[in-house]
Amino acid sequence: VKMILAILSYLNYLFLFVFGVVCVGSGLYYIAEWVEEYSVLTKRIIRYVIFFEVALYIILLLDSFSIIYVLIGLSANVSYLFLLQTFPFFQLTDPNFILSVVLAITNHCAWFYYFIHHQHEFPHILAFFVLLIWLVPFFFFLSLSNDNSLPGYRPKEGKQRRSILSLFNFLKSKQTDALERYSLSQKIGQCRRKKNEIQL
C-alpha cells in the first residue's frame, strides 16, 4: 500500500509540474502579446517599477544594509532608465545595453553572495530577488516580442516575424502535429486489430 501511495504522490508531483509549466508558458505568451501591442504603456510601467525599486533600495540603505550592494543595485536601475530611452528597440553595440547587461549580472551575483553569508528566510530572499533584481530585466526580456526590438536588428523588407511569439506558435504547432500523429496511429492500430479479428 505504501509503495502504491508513493507512486501516486510522485505522479501527482509530475502532473503539478507539467501543469505549472503549461500555465507559465500560457501566461508568458499572453504577456508577450500584450507588451507588443501596448509598448508605450509597458514603457511607462517599467519606469514606475524602476522608481519603486530605487525607493526600496534607499529604504534598504537606511535599514543598515551594506552600502556596496545597495549602490550596485541603484547603479543597475539607473542603467535601466538609460536603456529605457530607446525602448523597445535595442542595439547590441549600444553602451547602455552593454552596461545594463553587465550591471544586471553583477547585481544578481552580488546579492546572491550577500545572502549566502547572511542568513534570511527563503521566502524573504525569493521576494527580494523577484522584486528588486529580476523584475525589470524580465520586463525587458518580454519586450523582445518582435524582431525589430532584438539587439542588432536591421530593418528588412518583407514579412517581420515575432521572436518570442513565433517560438510559442512553433511549439504549439508541434504539439498539435504530435497529437494528430498520435490520434492517427491509434486509429491505424484499431483498424489493424479489427482486421486481425475478422481474419481469425
Protein backbone atom coordinates (compact mmCIF):
# COMPACT_ATOMS: atom_id res chain seq x y z
CA VAL A 1 0.00 0.00 0.00
CA LYS A 2 2.78 2.42 0.91
CA MET A 3 4.51 1.76 -2.40
CA ILE A 4 1.32 2.49 -4.34
CA LEU A 5 0.77 5.71 -2.38
CA ALA A 6 4.38 6.74 -3.01
CA ILE A 7 3.97 6.15 -6.77
CA LEU A 8 0.72 8.13 -6.77
CA SER A 9 2.38 11.01 -4.92
CA TYR A 10 5.23 11.10 -7.46
CA LEU A 11 2.72 11.06 -10.31
CA ASN A 12 0.87 13.90 -8.61
CA TYR A 13 4.07 15.96 -8.36
CA LEU A 14 4.79 15.27 -12.03
CA PHE A 15 1.28 16.35 -13.01
CA LEU A 16 1.55 19.54 -10.95
CA PHE A 17 4.94 20.32 -12.50
CA VAL A 18 3.65 19.86 -16.06
CA PHE A 19 0.53 21.88 -15.25
CA GLY A 20 2.67 24.67 -13.78
CA VAL A 21 4.93 24.75 -16.86
CA VAL A 22 1.90 24.95 -19.17
CA CYS A 23 0.38 27.76 -17.08
CA VAL A 24 3.63 29.72 -17.06
CA GLY A 25 4.05 29.25 -20.82
CA SER A 26 0.49 30.41 -21.48
CA GLY A 27 0.99 33.42 -19.20
CA LEU A 28 4.23 34.39 -20.93
CA TYR A 29 2.55 34.09 -24.32
CA TYR A 30 -0.28 36.38 -23.23
CA ILE A 31 2.06 38.92 -21.61
CA ALA A 32 4.35 38.95 -24.66
CA GLU A 33 1.38 39.73 -26.91
CA TRP A 34 0.20 42.44 -24.51
CA VAL A 35 3.67 44.02 -24.30
CA GLU A 36 3.96 44.04 -28.09
CA GLU A 37 0.56 45.68 -28.53
CA TYR A 38 0.94 48.28 -25.76
CA SER A 39 4.64 49.18 -25.88
CA VAL A 40 4.09 52.79 -24.71
CA LEU A 41 2.14 51.66 -21.65
CA THR A 42 4.74 48.95 -20.99
CA LYS A 43 7.49 51.56 -21.08
CA ARG A 44 5.60 53.65 -18.52
CA ILE A 45 5.06 50.61 -16.27
CA ILE A 46 8.76 49.71 -16.43
CA ARG A 47 9.69 53.28 -15.48
CA TYR A 48 7.38 53.16 -12.44
CA VAL A 49 8.81 49.78 -11.43
CA ILE A 50 12.34 51.21 -11.64
CA PHE A 51 11.35 54.16 -9.42
CA PHE A 52 9.74 51.70 -7.00
CA GLU A 53 12.93 49.64 -6.86
CA VAL A 54 15.10 52.74 -6.34
CA ALA A 55 12.88 53.74 -3.41
CA LEU A 56 13.21 50.25 -1.93
CA TYR A 57 17.00 50.35 -2.29
CA ILE A 58 17.08 53.69 -0.47
CA ILE A 59 14.98 52.15 2.32
CA LEU A 60 17.43 49.24 2.48
CA LEU A 61 20.28 51.73 2.74
CA LEU A 62 18.58 53.42 5.69
CA ASP A 63 17.95 49.98 7.22
CA SER A 64 21.71 49.38 7.58
CA PHE A 65 22.13 47.09 4.56
CA SER A 66 25.60 47.01 3.03
CA ILE A 67 26.14 50.23 1.09
CA ILE A 68 28.21 48.47 -1.62
CA TYR A 69 25.42 46.07 -2.55
CA VAL A 70 22.80 48.82 -2.45
CA LEU A 71 24.93 51.03 -4.72
CA ILE A 72 25.29 48.16 -7.20
CA GLY A 73 21.51 47.76 -7.25
CA LEU A 74 20.97 51.50 -7.67
CA SER A 75 23.52 51.62 -10.49
CA ALA A 76 21.73 48.78 -12.29
CA ASN A 77 18.40 50.61 -12.07
CA VAL A 78 19.93 53.86 -13.33
CA SER A 79 21.33 51.95 -16.32
CA TYR A 80 17.83 50.54 -16.92
CA LEU A 81 16.49 54.11 -17.06
CA PHE A 82 19.01 55.00 -19.77
CA LEU A 83 18.17 51.79 -21.65
CA LEU A 84 14.50 52.71 -21.44
CA GLN A 85 15.10 55.75 -23.65
CA THR A 86 15.23 53.56 -26.78
CA PHE A 87 12.59 51.06 -25.62
CA PRO A 88 11.51 48.74 -27.25
CA PHE A 89 14.47 48.97 -29.67
CA PHE A 90 17.89 47.71 -28.55
CA GLN A 91 21.28 47.65 -30.26
CA LEU A 92 23.87 45.06 -29.28
CA THR A 93 26.68 47.62 -29.61
CA ASP A 94 24.87 50.32 -27.64
CA PRO A 95 26.92 51.19 -24.50
CA ASN A 96 23.69 51.49 -22.48
CA PHE A 97 22.68 47.97 -23.46
CA ILE A 98 26.11 46.50 -22.64
CA LEU A 99 26.27 48.39 -19.32
CA SER A 100 22.75 47.27 -18.37
CA VAL A 101 23.55 43.61 -19.05
CA VAL A 102 26.82 43.78 -17.09
CA LEU A 103 25.20 45.55 -14.13
CA ALA A 104 22.22 43.18 -14.14
CA ILE A 105 24.55 40.17 -13.89
CA THR A 106 26.73 41.93 -11.31
CA ASN A 107 23.69 42.86 -9.23
CA HIS A 108 22.43 39.29 -9.25
CA CYS A 109 25.81 37.81 -8.31
CA ALA A 110 26.45 40.42 -5.60
CA TRP A 111 23.15 39.85 -3.81
CA PHE A 112 23.48 36.09 -4.22
CA TYR A 113 26.85 36.33 -2.49
CA TYR A 114 25.34 38.57 0.20
CA PHE A 115 22.53 36.14 1.06
CA ILE A 116 24.96 33.20 1.17
CA HIS A 117 26.79 34.93 4.03
CA HIS A 118 23.73 36.46 5.74
CA GLN A 119 21.01 34.07 6.80
CA HIS A 120 17.43 35.01 5.99
CA GLU A 121 14.25 33.03 5.45
CA PHE A 122 13.87 31.62 1.95
CA PRO A 123 10.54 33.41 1.18
CA HIS A 124 12.22 36.74 2.06
CA ILE A 125 15.17 36.01 -0.24
CA LEU A 126 12.87 34.92 -3.08
CA ALA A 127 10.73 38.05 -2.74
CA PHE A 128 13.87 40.20 -2.73
CA PHE A 129 15.23 38.62 -5.91
CA VAL A 130 11.89 38.74 -7.74
CA LEU A 131 11.03 42.35 -6.86
CA LEU A 132 14.44 44.01 -6.76
CA ILE A 133 16.66 42.03 -9.12
CA TRP A 134 14.69 40.05 -11.71
CA LEU A 135 11.55 42.12 -12.33
CA VAL A 136 12.91 44.88 -14.60
CA PRO A 137 15.20 42.58 -16.67
CA PHE A 138 12.20 40.27 -17.06
CA PHE A 139 10.14 43.15 -18.47
CA PHE A 140 12.94 43.97 -20.90
CA PHE A 141 13.11 40.32 -21.94
CA LEU A 142 9.37 40.24 -22.63
CA SER A 143 9.72 43.37 -24.74
CA LEU A 144 11.74 41.33 -27.23
CA SER A 145 8.48 40.11 -28.75
CA ASN A 146 9.30 41.06 -32.33
CA ASP A 147 12.41 41.06 -34.47
CA ASN A 148 12.67 44.85 -34.69
CA SER A 149 13.30 45.07 -30.96
CA LEU A 150 16.04 42.46 -30.88
CA PRO A 151 19.62 43.59 -30.31
CA GLY A 152 21.38 44.34 -33.60
CA TYR A 153 18.16 44.43 -35.60
CA ARG A 154 18.39 45.81 -39.13
CA PRO A 155 15.11 46.55 -40.92
CA LYS A 156 14.42 44.32 -43.91
CA GLU A 157 11.69 44.33 -46.48
CA GLY A 158 9.05 41.67 -46.31
CA LYS A 159 7.24 39.99 -43.52
CA GLN A 160 8.53 40.50 -39.98
CA ARG A 161 8.47 37.57 -37.63
CA ARG A 162 7.92 37.86 -33.89
CA SER A 163 10.63 36.15 -31.90
CA ILE A 164 9.03 35.08 -28.63
CA LEU A 165 5.55 34.76 -30.06
CA SER A 166 6.81 32.82 -33.06
CA LEU A 167 8.60 30.46 -30.66
CA PHE A 168 5.36 29.83 -28.77
CA ASN A 169 3.44 29.40 -32.05
CA PHE A 170 6.09 26.94 -33.27
CA LEU A 171 5.82 24.88 -30.06
CA LYS A 172 2.03 24.97 -30.27
CA SER A 173 2.09 23.74 -33.89
CA LYS A 174 4.48 20.93 -32.95
CA GLN A 175 2.20 19.92 -30.10
CA THR A 176 -0.80 19.85 -32.48
CA ASP A 177 1.15 17.78 -35.03
CA ALA A 178 2.21 15.32 -32.34
CA LEU A 179 -1.37 14.92 -31.12
CA GLU A 180 -2.62 14.40 -34.67
CA ARG A 181 0.05 11.77 -35.35
CA TYR A 182 -0.80 10.02 -32.09
CA SER A 183 -4.52 10.04 -32.95
CA LEU A 184 -3.76 8.70 -36.45
CA SER A 185 -1.55 5.91 -35.06
CA GLN A 186 -4.34 4.96 -32.62
CA LYS A 187 -6.84 4.74 -35.48
CA ILE A 188 -4.44 2.65 -37.57
CA GLY A 189 -3.90 0.33 -34.62
CA GLN A 190 -7.65 -0.10 -34.15
CA CYS A 191 -8.11 -0.86 -37.84
CA ARG A 192 -5.35 -3.50 -37.74
CA ARG A 193 -6.85 -5.13 -34.67
CA LYS A 194 -10.29 -5.30 -36.31
CA LYS A 195 -8.73 -6.73 -39.47
CA ASN A 196 -6.95 -9.42 -37.42
CA GLU A 197 -10.18 -10.26 -35.60
CA ILE A 198 -12.03 -10.59 -38.92
CA GLN A 199 -9.30 -12.87 -40.31
CA LEU A 200 -9.48 -15.06 -37.21
